[in-house]
Protein backbone atom coordinates (compact mmCIF):
# COMPACT_ATOMS: atom_id res chain seq x y z
CA MET A 1 44.12 -15.04 -42.13
CA SER A 2 41.31 -12.70 -40.98
CA VAL A 3 40.67 -12.80 -37.25
CA LYS A 4 37.43 -11.27 -36.07
CA THR A 5 36.97 -10.52 -32.39
CA PHE A 6 33.55 -10.50 -30.77
CA LEU A 7 33.05 -8.13 -27.83
CA LEU A 8 30.80 -9.22 -25.01
CA PRO A 9 27.47 -7.43 -25.63
CA ASP A 10 25.25 -5.80 -23.06
CA LEU A 11 22.61 -8.53 -23.66
CA GLY A 12 19.92 -5.89 -23.21
CA GLU A 13 20.01 -5.96 -19.40
CA GLY A 14 21.96 -2.76 -18.76
CA LEU A 15 24.63 -4.67 -16.86
CA THR A 16 28.37 -4.14 -17.05
CA GLU A 17 29.62 -7.68 -16.62
CA ALA A 18 28.72 -11.35 -16.78
CA GLU A 19 30.29 -14.44 -15.27
CA LEU A 20 31.64 -16.94 -17.77
CA VAL A 21 30.08 -20.26 -16.75
CA ARG A 22 31.58 -22.47 -19.46
CA TRP A 23 32.90 -22.50 -22.98
CA MET A 24 30.99 -24.74 -25.36
CA VAL A 25 33.86 -24.75 -27.86
CA ALA A 26 37.66 -24.82 -27.66
CA ALA A 27 40.43 -23.08 -29.56
CA GLY A 28 40.82 -24.77 -32.93
CA ASP A 29 37.17 -25.85 -33.16
CA THR A 30 35.17 -25.00 -36.27
CA VAL A 31 32.06 -22.93 -35.55
CA ALA A 32 29.05 -21.93 -37.63
CA VAL A 33 26.97 -18.79 -37.52
CA ASP A 34 24.51 -18.81 -34.58
CA GLN A 35 26.22 -21.82 -32.98
CA PRO A 36 26.26 -21.45 -29.16
CA ILE A 37 29.83 -20.93 -28.07
CA ALA A 38 29.56 -20.01 -24.38
CA GLU A 39 27.24 -19.85 -21.44
CA VAL A 40 27.36 -16.78 -19.20
CA GLU A 41 25.53 -15.88 -16.03
CA THR A 42 24.20 -12.37 -15.63
CA ALA A 43 22.49 -10.94 -12.60
CA LYS A 44 19.22 -12.18 -14.08
CA SER A 45 19.72 -15.48 -15.85
CA LEU A 46 21.92 -17.90 -17.71
CA VAL A 47 22.45 -16.87 -21.31
CA GLU A 48 23.91 -18.78 -24.24
CA ILE A 49 26.06 -16.59 -26.48
CA PRO A 50 25.85 -17.55 -30.18
CA SER A 51 28.62 -16.90 -32.66
CA PRO A 52 28.05 -14.25 -35.34
CA PHE A 53 30.97 -15.71 -37.33
CA GLU A 54 31.79 -18.85 -39.26
CA GLY A 55 35.33 -20.13 -39.05
CA VAL A 56 37.87 -21.56 -36.62
CA VAL A 57 38.06 -20.43 -33.00
CA ALA A 58 41.35 -18.56 -32.59
CA THR A 59 41.19 -17.25 -29.01
CA LEU A 60 38.91 -17.57 -26.02
CA HIS A 61 39.43 -14.43 -23.96
CA GLY A 62 38.54 -15.84 -20.56
CA GLU A 63 38.21 -18.86 -18.32
CA ALA A 64 35.25 -20.47 -16.57
CA GLY A 65 34.40 -18.58 -13.39
CA GLN A 66 35.88 -15.33 -14.63
CA MET A 67 33.92 -12.08 -14.71
CA MET A 68 33.84 -10.80 -18.29
CA LEU A 69 33.30 -7.11 -18.93
CA VAL A 70 30.83 -5.74 -21.47
CA ASP A 71 32.49 -4.18 -24.53
CA LYS A 72 35.67 -6.22 -23.99
CA PRO A 73 36.98 -9.08 -26.20
CA PHE A 74 35.06 -12.29 -25.62
CA PHE A 75 36.29 -14.63 -28.33
CA SER A 76 38.07 -14.44 -31.69
CA VAL A 77 37.44 -16.46 -34.84
CA ASN A 78 39.68 -16.98 -37.86
CA THR A 79 37.34 -16.55 -40.82
CA GLY A 80 40.04 -16.94 -43.47
CA GLY A 81 41.44 -14.30 -45.79
CA GLU A 82 44.72 -12.41 -45.96
CA ASP A 83 47.12 -12.17 -43.03
CA GLU A 84 47.00 -8.97 -41.02
CA ALA A 85 47.75 -8.02 -37.45
CA PRO A 86 44.82 -8.41 -35.08
CA ALA A 87 43.01 -5.22 -34.17
CA GLN A 88 43.55 -4.00 -30.63
CA GLN A 89 40.64 -1.58 -30.30
CA PRO A 90 36.95 -1.76 -31.23
CA ALA A 91 36.21 -0.44 -34.69
CA GLU A 92 34.70 3.03 -34.60
CA GLY A 93 30.99 3.12 -35.28
CA ALA A 94 30.38 -0.39 -33.96
CA GLN A 95 26.96 -0.58 -32.34
CA THR A 96 25.89 -1.95 -28.96
CA TYR A 97 23.12 -4.34 -28.09
CA LEU A 98 21.33 -1.48 -26.39
CA GLU A 99 20.99 0.06 -29.87
CA GLU A 100 18.88 -2.90 -30.94
CA GLU A 101 21.75 -5.30 -30.66
CA LEU A 102 23.97 -4.22 -33.53
CA ALA A 103 21.28 -4.92 -36.08
CA GLY A 104 21.52 -3.36 -39.55
CA THR A 105 22.80 0.06 -38.57
CA GLN A 106 23.85 2.75 -40.98
CA VAL A 107 27.47 3.59 -41.51
CA PRO A 108 28.36 7.12 -40.29
CA GLU A 109 28.01 9.88 -42.85
CA GLU A 110 31.75 10.59 -42.75
CA GLU A 111 33.72 8.69 -45.35
CA ASP A 112 35.00 6.12 -42.90
CA GLU A 113 36.72 3.10 -44.32
CA GLY A 114 34.38 0.18 -43.64
CA SER A 115 35.24 -3.46 -43.40
CA GLY A 116 33.19 -4.34 -46.45
CA ASN A 117 31.95 -7.43 -44.64
CA VAL A 118 28.37 -7.57 -43.43
CA LEU A 119 28.03 -10.24 -40.77
CA ILE A 120 24.80 -11.92 -39.87
CA GLY A 121 23.34 -9.83 -37.07
CA TYR A 122 25.86 -6.99 -37.45
CA GLY A 123 26.43 -3.99 -39.65
CA THR A 124 29.79 -2.99 -41.07
CA GLY A 125 31.72 -0.70 -38.78
CA GLY A 126 34.03 2.06 -39.90
CA ALA A 127 37.75 1.63 -39.22
CA LYS A 128 39.06 5.04 -40.12
CA THR A 129 41.36 6.43 -37.48
CA ASN A 130 43.00 9.46 -39.07
CA THR A 131 40.04 11.78 -38.80
CA SER A 132 39.92 14.60 -36.30
CA ARG A 133 36.26 13.91 -35.64
CA ARG A 134 36.49 10.84 -33.46
CA ARG A 135 33.58 9.04 -31.90
CA ARG A 136 33.58 7.06 -28.70
CA PRO A 137 34.18 3.37 -29.44
CA ARG A 138 31.16 1.24 -28.63
CA ALA A 139 30.49 -2.44 -28.20
CA GLY A 140 30.43 -4.70 -31.21
CA ILE A 141 32.95 -6.48 -33.34
CA THR A 142 36.56 -5.80 -34.17
CA THR A 143 38.15 -7.28 -37.25
CA ALA A 144 41.73 -7.89 -38.16
CA SER A 145 41.25 -7.31 -41.88
CA ALA A 146 39.61 -4.40 -43.63
CA SER A 147 38.58 -3.69 -47.20
CA SER A 148 39.00 -0.42 -49.02
CA GLU A 149 35.39 -0.57 -50.13
CA THR A 150 33.05 2.06 -48.74
CA THR A 151 29.58 0.87 -47.73
CA THR A 152 26.76 3.37 -47.38
CA VAL A 153 24.03 1.26 -45.79
CA ALA A 154 24.42 -2.12 -44.11
CA THR A 155 22.21 -5.02 -45.07
CA LYS A 156 19.01 -5.19 -43.03
CA VAL A 157 19.92 -8.13 -40.83
CA ILE A 158 19.33 -9.11 -37.23
CA ASN A 159 21.59 -10.24 -34.44
CA PRO A 160 22.01 -13.88 -33.35
CA LEU A 161 20.00 -13.46 -30.16
CA VAL A 162 17.00 -12.15 -32.10
CA ARG A 163 17.41 -14.94 -34.62
CA LYS A 164 17.55 -17.44 -31.78
CA LEU A 165 14.40 -15.97 -30.20
CA ALA A 166 12.55 -16.35 -33.49
CA LYS A 167 13.80 -19.90 -34.02
CA GLU A 168 12.85 -21.05 -30.51
CA ASN A 169 9.31 -19.74 -31.02
CA SER A 170 8.92 -21.06 -34.60
CA VAL A 171 8.78 -17.59 -36.10
CA ASP A 172 9.84 -17.31 -39.75
CA ILE A 173 12.20 -14.36 -39.55
CA THR A 174 11.83 -13.64 -43.25
CA GLN A 175 8.15 -12.92 -42.69
CA VAL A 176 8.66 -10.45 -39.85
CA THR A 177 7.90 -6.82 -40.69
CA GLY A 178 10.61 -4.66 -39.18
CA THR A 179 9.68 -1.48 -37.32
CA GLY A 180 13.24 -0.21 -37.04
CA PRO A 181 14.96 2.24 -39.35
CA ASP A 182 14.45 1.30 -43.01
CA GLY A 183 12.47 -1.78 -42.03
CA LEU A 184 15.06 -3.17 -39.65
CA VAL A 185 13.78 -6.20 -37.72
CA LEU A 186 14.03 -5.58 -33.98
CA ARG A 187 13.65 -7.90 -31.03
CA GLY A 188 10.30 -6.30 -30.22
CA ASP A 189 8.99 -7.23 -33.66
CA VAL A 190 9.65 -10.89 -32.93
CA GLU A 191 8.24 -10.68 -29.42
CA ALA A 192 5.07 -9.08 -30.77
CA LEU A 193 4.45 -12.13 -32.95
CA ILE A 194 4.82 -14.55 -30.07
CA GLY A 195 2.48 -12.68 -27.79
CA GLN A 196 5.04 -11.08 -25.54
CA GLY A 197 4.49 -7.51 -26.58
CA SER A 198 6.61 -5.20 -28.65
CA GLU A 199 8.79 -3.76 -25.98
CA ALA A 200 11.17 -5.38 -23.54
CA ALA A 201 10.53 -4.06 -20.06
CA ALA A 202 13.33 -2.46 -18.12
CA PRO A 203 14.50 -4.40 -15.06
CA SER A 204 12.64 -3.42 -11.89
CA VAL A 205 15.82 -3.67 -9.91
CA GLN A 206 19.19 -3.15 -11.50
CA ALA A 207 22.39 -4.21 -9.91
CA THR A 208 24.41 -1.27 -8.70
CA ALA A 209 27.59 -1.16 -10.72
CA ALA A 210 30.60 -1.75 -8.54
CA PRO A 211 34.29 -1.44 -9.39
CA VAL A 212 35.44 -4.63 -11.02
CA ALA A 213 38.79 -6.13 -11.87
CA PRO A 214 40.00 -6.27 -15.48
CA ALA A 215 38.43 -9.05 -17.51
CA GLN A 216 41.74 -10.85 -17.78
CA ALA A 217 41.84 -11.44 -14.01
CA PRO A 218 39.40 -13.47 -11.91
CA ALA A 219 36.87 -11.18 -10.26
CA VAL A 220 36.15 -13.44 -7.31
CA ALA A 221 38.99 -13.44 -4.85
CA ALA A 222 38.49 -16.33 -2.44
CA GLN A 223 40.23 -16.29 0.90
CA THR A 224 40.43 -19.70 2.50
CA THR A 225 43.23 -19.25 5.01
CA GLY A 226 44.35 -16.71 7.55
CA GLU A 227 42.78 -15.05 10.54
CA ASP A 228 39.92 -12.56 10.60
CA SER A 229 41.16 -9.24 11.97
CA ARG A 230 37.85 -8.42 13.68
CA THR A 231 37.08 -11.71 15.42
CA ALA A 232 40.52 -13.32 15.54
CA LEU A 233 38.89 -16.52 14.24
CA PRO A 234 40.29 -18.55 11.32
CA VAL A 235 38.66 -17.68 8.00
CA ALA A 236 36.84 -20.66 6.48
CA SER A 237 35.93 -18.88 3.24
CA SER A 238 35.63 -15.32 1.95
CA GLN A 239 34.65 -14.13 -1.51
CA VAL A 240 33.18 -11.12 -3.27
CA LEU A 241 29.48 -11.40 -4.07
CA THR A 242 28.81 -11.76 -7.79
CA GLY A 243 25.99 -12.48 -10.18
CA VAL A 244 22.55 -13.18 -8.74
CA ARG A 245 23.83 -13.14 -5.16
CA ARG A 246 25.11 -9.59 -5.56
CA THR A 247 21.92 -8.48 -7.29
CA ILE A 248 19.85 -9.86 -4.42
CA ALA A 249 22.05 -8.12 -1.87
CA ASN A 250 21.80 -4.78 -3.69
CA ALA A 251 18.03 -5.10 -4.13
CA MET A 252 17.42 -5.92 -0.47
CA ALA A 253 19.63 -3.07 0.71
CA THR A 254 17.91 -0.63 -1.65
CA SER A 255 14.47 -1.70 -0.45
CA ARG A 256 15.35 -1.28 3.22
CA ARG A 257 17.07 2.03 2.57
CA GLU A 258 14.41 3.63 0.36
CA ILE A 259 11.10 2.25 1.65
CA PRO A 260 9.62 3.08 5.08
CA GLU A 261 8.10 -0.35 5.51
CA ALA A 262 5.35 -1.45 7.87
CA THR A 263 3.89 -4.93 8.39
CA VAL A 264 0.45 -6.29 9.27
CA TRP A 265 -0.54 -9.93 9.57
CA VAL A 266 -3.51 -12.18 10.32
CA ASP A 267 -4.24 -15.88 10.85
CA VAL A 268 -6.66 -17.30 8.29
CA ASP A 269 -8.92 -20.34 8.40
CA VAL A 270 -8.40 -21.98 4.99
CA THR A 271 -10.35 -25.18 5.71
CA LYS A 272 -13.08 -24.37 3.18
CA LEU A 273 -10.53 -23.33 0.56
CA LEU A 274 -8.72 -26.66 0.86
CA LYS A 275 -12.02 -28.55 0.58
CA LEU A 276 -13.03 -26.53 -2.47
CA ARG A 277 -9.73 -27.31 -4.18
CA SER A 278 -10.10 -31.02 -3.37
CA LYS A 279 -13.59 -31.05 -4.91
CA LEU A 280 -12.31 -29.33 -8.04
CA LYS A 281 -9.55 -31.90 -8.35
CA GLU A 282 -12.00 -34.80 -7.93
CA ALA A 283 -14.42 -33.38 -10.48
CA GLN A 284 -11.93 -32.17 -13.10
CA GLY A 285 -8.89 -34.32 -12.49
CA SER A 286 -6.80 -31.27 -11.65
CA ALA A 287 -7.11 -28.03 -9.75
CA PRO A 288 -5.33 -24.68 -9.51
CA SER A 289 -2.55 -24.50 -6.96
CA MET A 290 -3.20 -22.86 -3.61
CA LEU A 291 -0.83 -20.09 -4.65
CA ALA A 292 -2.92 -19.45 -7.76
CA LEU A 293 -6.19 -19.35 -5.82
CA ILE A 294 -4.82 -16.97 -3.21
CA SER A 295 -3.23 -14.85 -5.94
CA ARG A 296 -6.59 -14.52 -7.66
CA PHE A 297 -8.08 -13.18 -4.46
CA ALA A 298 -5.13 -10.83 -4.04
CA ILE A 299 -5.56 -9.46 -7.56
CA ALA A 300 -9.23 -8.76 -6.81
CA GLY A 301 -8.13 -7.05 -3.61
CA LEU A 302 -5.68 -4.84 -5.51
CA ALA A 303 -8.56 -3.56 -7.63
CA ARG A 304 -10.29 -2.45 -4.42
CA PHE A 305 -7.16 -1.13 -2.76
CA PRO A 306 -5.06 0.20 -5.68
CA GLU A 307 -2.50 1.82 -3.37
CA MET A 308 -1.05 -1.65 -2.83
CA ASN A 309 -0.43 -1.89 -6.58
CA SER A 310 1.60 1.26 -7.00
CA ARG A 311 5.07 2.78 -6.85
CA ILE A 312 6.85 5.80 -5.39
CA ASP A 313 9.50 7.47 -7.56
CA THR A 314 11.85 10.27 -6.53
CA GLU A 315 11.87 13.24 -8.90
CA ALA A 316 15.01 15.11 -9.92
CA ASP A 317 14.13 17.92 -7.53
CA GLY A 318 13.66 15.50 -4.64
CA GLY A 319 9.88 15.39 -4.89
CA LEU A 320 7.98 12.12 -4.69
CA ARG A 321 5.74 10.87 -7.49
CA HIS A 322 3.06 8.27 -6.68
CA THR A 323 2.08 6.09 -9.64
CA LEU A 324 -0.91 3.72 -9.59
CA PHE A 325 -1.39 1.08 -12.28
CA GLU A 326 -4.34 -0.17 -14.26
CA GLY A 327 -3.79 -3.89 -14.19
CA VAL A 328 -1.38 -6.14 -12.30
CA ASN A 329 1.96 -7.65 -13.19
CA LEU A 330 2.21 -10.27 -10.47
CA GLY A 331 5.64 -11.28 -9.23
CA PHE A 332 6.17 -14.40 -7.15
CA ALA A 333 9.27 -15.37 -5.24
CA ALA A 334 11.02 -18.51 -6.49
CA GLN A 335 14.00 -20.14 -4.83
CA THR A 336 16.56 -21.54 -7.27
CA GLU A 337 20.07 -22.96 -7.03
CA ARG A 338 21.32 -19.58 -8.20
CA GLY A 339 19.41 -17.72 -5.49
CA LEU A 340 16.07 -15.99 -5.00
CA VAL A 341 14.44 -14.60 -8.15
CA VAL A 342 11.05 -13.04 -8.81
CA PRO A 343 9.42 -14.23 -12.04
CA ASN A 344 6.63 -12.00 -13.25
CA VAL A 345 3.21 -12.95 -14.61
CA ARG A 346 2.35 -10.06 -16.88
CA GLU A 347 -1.24 -8.83 -16.98
CA ALA A 348 -2.17 -11.33 -14.30
CA HIS A 349 -5.51 -9.55 -13.82
CA LYS A 350 -6.62 -11.04 -17.14
CA LEU A 351 -6.02 -14.63 -16.02
CA ASN A 352 -8.22 -16.98 -14.03
CA ALA A 353 -6.89 -19.27 -11.32
CA VAL A 354 -6.23 -22.17 -13.73
CA GLU A 355 -4.27 -19.92 -16.09
CA LEU A 356 -2.34 -18.38 -13.20
CA SER A 357 -1.40 -21.83 -11.94
CA ALA A 358 -0.06 -22.77 -15.37
CA GLU A 359 1.96 -19.55 -15.64
CA PHE A 360 3.44 -20.04 -12.16
CA ALA A 361 4.57 -23.53 -13.13
CA ARG A 362 6.00 -22.42 -16.47
CA LEU A 363 7.93 -19.44 -15.09
CA ALA A 364 9.18 -21.35 -12.05
CA THR A 365 10.61 -24.02 -14.35
CA LEU A 366 12.35 -21.42 -16.50
CA ALA A 367 13.78 -19.74 -13.40
CA ARG A 368 15.11 -22.96 -11.88
CA GLU A 369 16.70 -23.93 -15.19
CA GLY A 370 18.26 -20.49 -15.47
CA LYS A 371 16.46 -19.83 -18.75
CA ALA A 372 14.15 -17.01 -17.65
CA GLY A 373 14.75 -13.83 -19.62
CA VAL A 374 14.74 -10.22 -18.52
CA ARG A 375 11.07 -9.85 -19.42
CA ASP A 376 10.24 -12.86 -17.26
CA LEU A 377 12.09 -11.47 -14.25
CA SER A 378 11.18 -7.79 -14.29
CA GLY A 379 8.31 -5.35 -14.43
CA SER A 380 6.16 -6.69 -11.59
CA THR A 381 3.88 -4.27 -9.71
CA PHE A 382 3.01 -6.51 -6.74
CA THR A 383 4.71 -9.62 -5.34
CA ILE A 384 3.43 -12.66 -3.50
CA ASN A 385 5.79 -14.88 -1.50
CA ASN A 386 4.84 -18.40 -0.46
CA TYR A 387 7.41 -19.06 2.26
CA GLY A 388 5.15 -21.76 3.66
CA VAL A 389 6.99 -24.20 1.39
CA PHE A 390 9.91 -23.84 3.81
CA ASN A 391 7.66 -25.04 6.65
CA VAL A 392 7.54 -21.70 8.47
CA ASP A 393 4.50 -19.82 9.75
CA GLY A 394 5.40 -16.23 8.93
CA SER A 395 8.02 -13.79 7.75
CA ALA A 396 8.50 -10.03 7.63
CA ALA A 397 9.31 -10.15 3.92
CA ILE A 398 11.29 -7.36 2.29
CA ILE A 399 9.36 -5.45 -0.38
CA ASN A 400 10.51 -6.06 -3.94
CA TYR A 401 11.74 -2.53 -4.71
CA PRO A 402 10.30 -0.32 -6.18
CA GLU A 403 6.92 -1.94 -5.54
CA ALA A 404 4.66 -0.77 -2.70
CA ALA A 405 3.76 -4.08 -1.08
CA ILE A 406 4.44 -7.79 -0.76
CA LEU A 407 2.03 -10.50 0.45
CA GLY A 408 3.48 -13.45 2.34
CA ILE A 409 1.85 -16.86 2.82
CA GLY A 410 2.87 -19.15 5.65
CA ARG A 411 2.45 -22.90 5.99
CA VAL A 412 -0.98 -24.46 6.57
CA VAL A 413 -1.22 -26.22 9.94
CA GLU A 414 -4.07 -27.76 11.91
CA LYS A 415 -4.94 -25.82 15.06
CA PRO A 416 -7.80 -25.63 17.55
CA TRP A 417 -10.09 -22.85 16.33
CA VAL A 418 -13.32 -21.38 17.61
CA VAL A 419 -16.13 -21.81 15.06
CA ASN A 420 -19.64 -20.66 16.03
CA GLY A 421 -18.76 -20.83 19.70
CA LYS A 422 -17.25 -24.30 19.49
CA ILE A 423 -13.62 -25.41 19.40
CA LYS A 424 -12.81 -27.36 16.25
CA VAL A 425 -9.68 -28.47 14.45
CA ARG A 426 -9.18 -26.19 11.46
CA SER A 427 -6.51 -25.61 8.81
CA ILE A 428 -4.85 -22.28 9.62
CA CYS A 429 -2.49 -20.17 7.54
CA GLU A 430 -0.80 -16.89 8.40
CA LEU A 431 -0.89 -14.02 5.92
CA THR A 432 1.65 -11.19 6.18
CA LEU A 433 1.56 -7.90 4.29
CA GLY A 434 4.59 -5.64 4.10
CA PHE A 435 3.73 -2.24 2.64
CA ASP A 436 5.27 1.14 1.86
CA HIS A 437 3.81 3.51 4.45
CA ARG A 438 4.22 6.41 2.04
CA VAL A 439 1.49 5.13 -0.30
CA CYS A 440 -1.17 4.64 2.35
CA ASP A 441 -1.97 4.46 6.04
CA GLY A 442 -2.44 1.29 8.07
CA GLY A 443 -6.20 1.21 7.54
CA THR A 444 -5.84 0.74 3.78
CA ALA A 445 -3.24 -1.99 4.18
CA ALA A 446 -5.37 -3.76 6.78
CA GLY A 447 -8.41 -3.47 4.51
CA PHE A 448 -6.57 -5.19 1.68
CA LEU A 449 -5.23 -7.93 3.93
CA ARG A 450 -8.65 -8.47 5.48
CA TYR A 451 -10.27 -8.75 2.04
CA VAL A 452 -7.84 -11.49 0.96
CA ALA A 453 -8.20 -13.30 4.29
CA ASP A 454 -12.00 -13.24 4.12
CA ALA A 455 -11.90 -14.58 0.56
CA MET A 456 -9.69 -17.44 1.68
CA THR A 457 -12.01 -18.19 4.60
CA ASP A 458 -15.16 -18.25 2.45
CA PRO A 459 -13.96 -18.85 -1.13
CA LYS A 460 -17.37 -19.65 -2.62
CA ALA A 461 -18.75 -16.27 -1.60
CA ALA A 462 -15.62 -14.55 -2.85
CA LEU A 463 -15.67 -16.31 -6.22
CA ALA A 464 -19.35 -15.46 -6.66
CA ALA A 465 -18.50 -11.79 -6.24
CA LEU A 466 -15.54 -11.81 -8.66
C-alpha cells in the first residue's frame, strides 16, 4: 500500500497551532479529493480541512480537543500501490501554505528524487536524503512510496482551500488566469474575481506564540481538584487559555501595554435619530440599523479628524511612525459563543447606511457561525463597539490594537432633558471614545466625538451635509 500523510498547514493565518474540534471521517472510511475530513479552530475562525488525497483513511493523528501543531502529521490516507514503510519526516522541498498553499511549485534544481505523483493542490516534493546540500523541511505532504522518476516542473494546480473558495463563490477555476509563477492560480486570483481584492490582508493582531505541548498530547491541562496555593481555596476549574480566548487575552494585553490610552465621553439626545429611522421604516418597509446610521456619521467624522483613523508603528531603531489612511476599514465588535471578535467592513467609506447595515448583518452571521475568514476579521483601521446591547450605559473600551481609537455606544434610555429651556423626556445615549494620545491631543478627540454626537442629535442636518 501507499500511505500519504498530510501535515497540518498554516492556513494562511501565520499561526503555529489549531485546536481539533472534530473529525468528519474515521479510520477505514473512504475519502475523495476535496472532501472535508476535519474541523479545526484557529485563533480567528472555524476551518474545515479538505483532503488532498483519494483513498482510505489510515490514521487520524489526533483527538477532538487536542491542539495540533502546524507542519506536523494531521491524517494519513492509504491511496493504494506497493507496500513500503511509512515516511517519518516531511519530504524535502515540500511547500507551505504561506508559499501560496503548496500550489504548483517547481521541484528544486538539484536532481532530487521526486515522488512522481502530482496531487490536486500540491506539487511533487523531492525525497532525496543523501545529498550534502540539505534544505530545511517545510510543511506539506509526506508519502510512504516514491517513484524513481524525476519531475522537472509540477502541474499547475491549486490547493483544496483555493478550490473550495472558488466553488463556494461559483467561480469556474478553469477560467481563472493565474498570476503566480508560470501562470499558477493563487488564492488572490480567485478573490479578485469575487470582489474581495487580490491580496489577503495580514491579521491586525496576531496571537503571540507560546510554548506548546507536543501534538500527541492534549494542550489544555484542566485542574478540577486540589487547593489553590495562593488563596487556600479549593480549585473549581483551571485550564490554559487556547484559541480565540488566548488571542483575545494577548490582544488586550498588547493594547494596554503599547497604547497610552485616554477616554472622553458625552451624553447624546438621539430622539430625532430614532424618529427618522421609524419614518424610513414606515415609508420603505425597512431601515438601516442604528449601528449603521451612527457608523455613517463616524466615518464622516474620520474624514474631518483623520488622526482617529491612523496607526502608530515602532521602527527598528525605536522611532515611532504615524500612518494615516485614505479610506476606512470599519471594525465592529461582535460577541460570539467562541468569544469577542471584530469583523471588518472593508472600504466602509464607500458604503451608505443601508449597505453598511447589510454588511454588519452578513459579517455578524459569519462570525457567530465561526465561518468568518482572516480577511473578514482583520485589517480594520477604526472600530465601533455597541455595548448597549448588553443593557449598559458606558464602557472604557480597550482600543483594538494597533488602531488609534475605538467608539463605544451605550444603551438608549429615556431621561429628563432640558430642551429650549424646558424639561422633556428624551431618548439619551452615551458615546465613549478611547484614543491613542500619541496621535493627537484631547481637543482633536473631543472634536471628533462632538461631531458624531451632533450628527446623532440632528441627523437631517448632518445627512444634508454628507
